[in-house]
Amino acid sequence: MPGSKTITMENVTTHRARGQKLRLLPAKAVFWQEKNMLIVADPHFGKAQLFRERGIPVPRGTTATDLQRLTRLLADLQPASLLFLGDLTHGPVNNPERYEQLVAAWRRRHAKVRLLLVSGNHDQQAGVPAPFAFDWVGRVRQEAPFVFTHQPQDFAAGYNLAGHVHPAVAMAGWGGLKATLPCFCFGPDQGLLPAFGGFTGCQVIRPRRADRIFVIADDAVIARPAQATPGG
């Protein structure tokens, strides 16, 4: 599972944005060094349960697995705060008891970590489950030099970090082999995080020449020139 190993300097890539050090993690998360903040986008907790309730037979346990991945990151990095860039949940489920118990137990385990949520389009439809006990919820959060949102936006006030897109790039190799891999994308004024959730799709993006692309492959984050990306 990507990001399941202990974080070491060998599997972390550092990107600088507006003078700040962002550690890009193979678990599809960012650690903001100067603020001691862990940042993830689009976990879509509860999505598999919602699908099953709608008659689509998908595997169980994806939310529990993603919460375990977060626990590993919190243990390795010891951040003071954890910021979600929207789409915390996928939608309202009919039988939330087990889900809420799972979240409540996870929150008690990490009671000392400040939880922050920039709400996304799915959150506005589904609401925010009370067991997360967020310390702050809003549509836009500014912490200079960054402006955090769910959907990418242009801001004069700072560098925008967002989710929503679930960015990925198409990779081609010898013998006609092809793969679509999640990625981080950083432009001059805006950065996109990959979807954290293990049961989410991804969207192939068309980077601009000025964009920096960092591909997630197994337990590594690899810088890749945007102009080498097929379709870019």
Protein backbone atom coordinates (compact mmCIF):
# COMPACT_ATOMS: atom_id res chain seq x y z
CA MET A 1 0.00 0.00 0.00
CA PRO A 2 1.51 3.38 -0.97
CA GLY A 3 2.64 5.30 2.06
CA SER A 4 2.32 2.33 4.44
CA LYS A 5 6.01 2.30 5.33
CA THR A 6 7.62 4.53 7.91
CA ILE A 7 8.44 7.92 6.42
CA THR A 8 12.13 8.40 5.67
CA MET A 9 14.03 11.03 3.71
CA GLU A 10 14.50 8.45 0.94
CA ASN A 11 10.78 8.33 0.08
CA VAL A 12 9.94 12.02 0.63
CA THR A 13 10.42 14.82 -1.90
CA THR A 14 10.63 18.45 -0.79
CA HIS A 15 9.08 21.24 -2.85
CA ARG A 16 9.43 24.92 -2.00
CA ALA A 17 6.49 27.26 -2.54
CA ARG A 18 6.70 30.94 -1.59
CA GLY A 19 9.75 30.20 0.52
CA GLN A 20 8.03 27.44 2.51
CA LYS A 21 9.14 23.81 2.67
CA LEU A 22 6.47 21.30 1.63
CA ARG A 23 7.33 17.64 2.10
CA LEU A 24 5.46 15.57 -0.48
CA LEU A 25 4.59 12.16 0.92
CA PRO A 26 3.88 8.92 -0.98
CA ALA A 27 0.77 8.52 1.20
CA LYS A 28 -0.70 11.34 -0.96
CA ALA A 29 -0.28 14.01 1.69
CA VAL A 30 1.78 17.15 2.29
CA PHE A 31 3.66 18.10 5.44
CA TRP A 32 4.17 21.86 5.82
CA GLN A 33 7.45 21.97 7.67
CA GLU A 34 7.36 25.51 9.04
CA LYS A 35 3.83 25.18 10.46
CA ASN A 36 4.11 21.55 11.57
CA MET A 37 0.91 20.87 9.63
CA LEU A 38 -0.21 17.74 7.79
CA ILE A 39 -2.45 18.42 4.77
CA VAL A 40 -4.62 15.94 2.86
CA ALA A 41 -7.35 16.37 0.25
CA ASP A 42 -10.40 14.37 -0.75
CA PRO A 43 -10.49 11.36 1.58
CA HIS A 44 -14.16 10.70 0.70
CA PHE A 45 -14.69 8.69 3.89
CA GLY A 46 -17.74 6.46 3.80
CA LYS A 47 -17.85 6.22 0.01
CA ALA A 48 -17.74 2.42 -0.12
CA GLN A 49 -20.55 2.12 2.42
CA LEU A 50 -22.64 4.56 0.40
CA PHE A 51 -22.07 2.47 -2.73
CA ARG A 52 -23.09 -0.74 -0.94
CA GLU A 53 -26.25 0.91 0.36
CA ARG A 54 -27.06 1.81 -3.24
CA GLY A 55 -26.69 -1.82 -4.31
CA ILE A 56 -23.14 -1.69 -5.70
CA PRO A 57 -21.06 -4.56 -4.18
CA VAL A 58 -17.71 -2.97 -3.32
CA PRO A 59 -15.21 -4.12 -0.66
CA ARG A 60 -15.59 -3.14 2.98
CA GLY A 61 -12.97 -1.53 5.19
CA THR A 62 -11.74 1.32 3.00
CA THR A 63 -12.55 4.03 5.56
CA ALA A 64 -10.87 2.06 8.35
CA THR A 65 -7.80 1.56 6.16
CA ASP A 66 -7.60 5.26 5.31
CA LEU A 67 -7.91 6.23 8.97
CA GLN A 68 -5.08 3.81 9.74
CA ARG A 69 -2.98 5.52 7.06
CA LEU A 70 -3.65 8.86 8.75
CA THR A 71 -2.69 7.37 12.11
CA ARG A 72 0.63 6.22 10.66
CA LEU A 73 1.32 9.70 9.27
CA LEU A 74 0.45 11.35 12.57
CA ALA A 75 2.71 8.94 14.44
CA ASP A 76 5.63 9.47 12.07
CA LEU A 77 5.38 13.25 11.71
CA GLN A 78 3.86 14.37 15.01
CA PRO A 79 2.09 17.39 13.46
CA ALA A 80 0.34 19.98 15.60
CA SER A 81 -2.58 20.16 13.16
CA LEU A 82 -4.22 18.18 10.36
CA LEU A 83 -5.94 20.12 7.56
CA PHE A 84 -8.42 18.46 5.19
CA LEU A 85 -8.86 20.24 1.85
CA GLY A 86 -12.47 19.24 1.41
CA ASP A 87 -14.62 16.24 0.53
CA LEU A 88 -14.04 14.69 3.91
CA THR A 89 -17.04 12.45 3.33
CA HIS A 90 -18.60 11.27 0.09
CA GLY A 91 -22.24 11.52 1.09
CA PRO A 92 -24.82 10.71 3.77
CA VAL A 93 -25.12 7.03 4.63
CA ASN A 94 -28.30 5.37 5.87
CA ASN A 95 -26.70 3.50 8.77
CA PRO A 96 -23.94 5.73 10.17
CA GLU A 97 -23.55 4.07 13.59
CA ARG A 98 -20.50 1.90 12.85
CA TYR A 99 -18.90 4.65 10.78
CA GLU A 100 -19.36 7.22 13.54
CA GLN A 101 -18.03 4.81 16.17
CA LEU A 102 -14.94 4.22 14.03
CA VAL A 103 -14.35 7.96 13.62
CA ALA A 104 -14.98 8.68 17.30
CA ALA A 105 -12.41 6.08 18.38
CA TRP A 106 -9.89 7.50 15.90
CA ARG A 107 -10.52 11.06 17.12
CA ARG A 108 -10.04 10.08 20.78
CA ARG A 109 -6.71 8.53 19.85
CA HIS A 110 -5.59 11.82 18.29
CA ALA A 111 -7.33 14.27 20.61
CA LYS A 112 -4.24 16.49 20.87
CA VAL A 113 -4.09 17.15 17.11
CA ARG A 114 -6.02 20.20 15.89
CA LEU A 115 -8.39 19.17 13.10
CA LEU A 116 -9.21 21.76 10.42
CA LEU A 117 -11.61 21.37 7.48
CA VAL A 118 -11.93 23.45 4.35
CA SER A 119 -15.34 22.17 3.29
CA GLY A 120 -15.84 20.78 -0.20
CA ASN A 121 -18.81 20.22 -2.45
CA HIS A 122 -19.49 16.75 -1.00
CA ASP A 123 -19.28 18.09 2.56
CA GLN A 124 -21.85 20.77 1.80
CA GLN A 125 -24.26 18.06 0.65
CA ALA A 126 -23.52 15.45 3.32
CA GLY A 127 -22.67 17.61 6.32
CA VAL A 128 -19.70 17.09 8.64
CA PRO A 129 -19.93 14.05 10.97
CA ALA A 130 -19.89 15.24 14.58
CA PRO A 131 -17.39 12.58 15.83
CA PHE A 132 -14.55 14.34 13.98
CA ALA A 133 -14.90 17.20 16.49
CA PHE A 134 -13.21 19.74 14.23
CA ASP A 135 -11.49 22.71 15.80
CA TRP A 136 -12.26 24.82 12.71
CA VAL A 137 -14.50 24.46 9.64
CA GLY A 138 -14.83 26.98 6.79
CA ARG A 139 -14.78 27.51 3.04
CA VAL A 140 -11.40 29.31 2.83
CA ARG A 141 -8.46 29.27 5.24
CA GLN A 142 -5.58 31.70 4.98
CA GLU A 143 -2.25 30.99 6.64
CA ALA A 144 0.35 33.14 4.93
CA PRO A 145 1.74 32.62 2.40
CA PHE A 146 -0.98 30.05 1.53
CA VAL A 147 -4.71 30.22 0.88
CA PHE A 148 -6.36 26.81 1.31
CA THR A 149 -9.53 25.89 -0.57
CA HIS A 150 -11.23 22.77 -1.86
CA GLN A 151 -11.67 23.82 -5.48
CA PRO A 152 -8.72 25.59 -7.12
CA GLN A 153 -9.10 29.37 -7.13
CA ASP A 154 -6.98 32.41 -7.93
CA PHE A 155 -6.05 34.61 -4.99
CA ALA A 156 -4.01 37.79 -4.93
CA ALA A 157 -3.56 37.27 -1.19
CA GLY A 158 -1.42 34.14 -1.44
CA TYR A 159 -0.50 30.85 -3.06
CA ASN A 160 -3.52 28.59 -3.41
CA LEU A 161 -3.35 24.95 -2.28
CA ALA A 162 -6.41 22.89 -3.24
CA GLY A 163 -7.82 19.44 -3.96
CA HIS A 164 -11.04 18.50 -5.80
CA VAL A 165 -9.36 17.59 -9.11
CA HIS A 166 -7.81 14.23 -8.01
CA PRO A 167 -4.84 14.95 -10.34
CA ALA A 168 -2.99 12.17 -12.16
CA VAL A 169 -0.70 11.82 -15.15
CA ALA A 170 -0.58 9.20 -17.88
CA MET A 171 2.79 7.47 -18.10
CA ALA A 172 4.09 5.40 -21.03
CA GLY A 173 7.04 3.01 -21.06
CA TRP A 174 8.79 0.44 -23.21
CA GLY A 175 6.68 -2.16 -24.98
CA GLY A 176 3.55 -0.05 -24.99
CA LEU A 177 3.11 -0.25 -21.22
CA LYS A 178 0.91 2.50 -19.81
CA ALA A 179 -0.11 3.58 -16.32
CA THR A 180 -2.09 6.39 -14.75
CA LEU A 181 -0.47 7.59 -11.54
CA PRO A 182 -1.66 10.16 -8.98
CA CYS A 183 0.45 13.27 -8.71
CA PHE A 184 1.09 16.59 -7.05
CA CYS A 185 1.02 19.58 -9.40
CA PHE A 186 2.54 22.96 -8.51
CA GLY A 187 2.18 25.97 -10.77
CA PRO A 188 3.43 29.53 -10.25
CA ASP A 189 0.41 30.52 -8.12
CA GLN A 190 -1.43 27.30 -7.32
CA GLY A 191 -0.82 23.74 -6.18
CA LEU A 192 -3.01 20.63 -6.42
CA LEU A 193 -2.91 17.69 -4.03
CA PRO A 194 -3.85 14.13 -5.07
CA ALA A 195 -6.92 12.51 -3.54
CA PHE A 196 -5.99 10.86 -0.24
CA GLY A 197 -8.84 8.35 -0.20
CA GLY A 198 -8.10 4.79 -1.21
CA PHE A 199 -11.49 4.43 -2.91
CA THR A 200 -11.41 7.47 -5.18
CA GLY A 201 -10.88 7.90 -8.89
CA CYS A 202 -8.40 10.24 -10.51
CA GLN A 203 -8.37 12.65 -13.43
CA VAL A 204 -5.56 12.96 -15.94
CA ILE A 205 -4.52 16.59 -16.05
CA ARG A 206 -2.80 18.58 -18.80
CA PRO A 207 0.01 20.43 -17.03
CA ARG A 208 1.30 23.73 -18.30
CA ARG A 209 4.97 24.08 -19.13
CA ALA A 210 5.60 26.07 -15.93
CA ASP A 211 4.05 23.39 -13.69
CA ARG A 212 6.11 21.08 -11.52
CA ILE A 213 4.77 17.52 -11.49
CA PHE A 214 5.56 14.98 -8.76
CA VAL A 215 4.34 11.45 -9.48
CA ILE A 216 3.51 8.94 -6.75
CA ALA A 217 4.85 5.48 -7.58
CA ASP A 218 4.70 2.81 -4.88
CA ASP A 219 6.42 4.33 -1.84
CA ALA A 220 8.22 7.14 -3.64
CA VAL A 221 7.46 10.62 -4.92
CA ILE A 222 9.31 11.31 -8.17
CA ALA A 223 9.75 14.69 -9.85
CA ARG A 224 8.83 14.64 -13.52
CA PRO A 225 9.15 17.46 -16.07
CA ALA A 226 5.69 18.62 -17.12
CA GLN A 227 6.69 18.76 -20.81
CA ALA A 228 7.47 15.02 -20.72
CA THR A 229 3.92 14.14 -19.67
CA PRO A 230 1.83 12.63 -22.50
CA GLY A 231 -0.94 15.00 -23.46
CA GLY A 232 0.74 17.92 -21.73
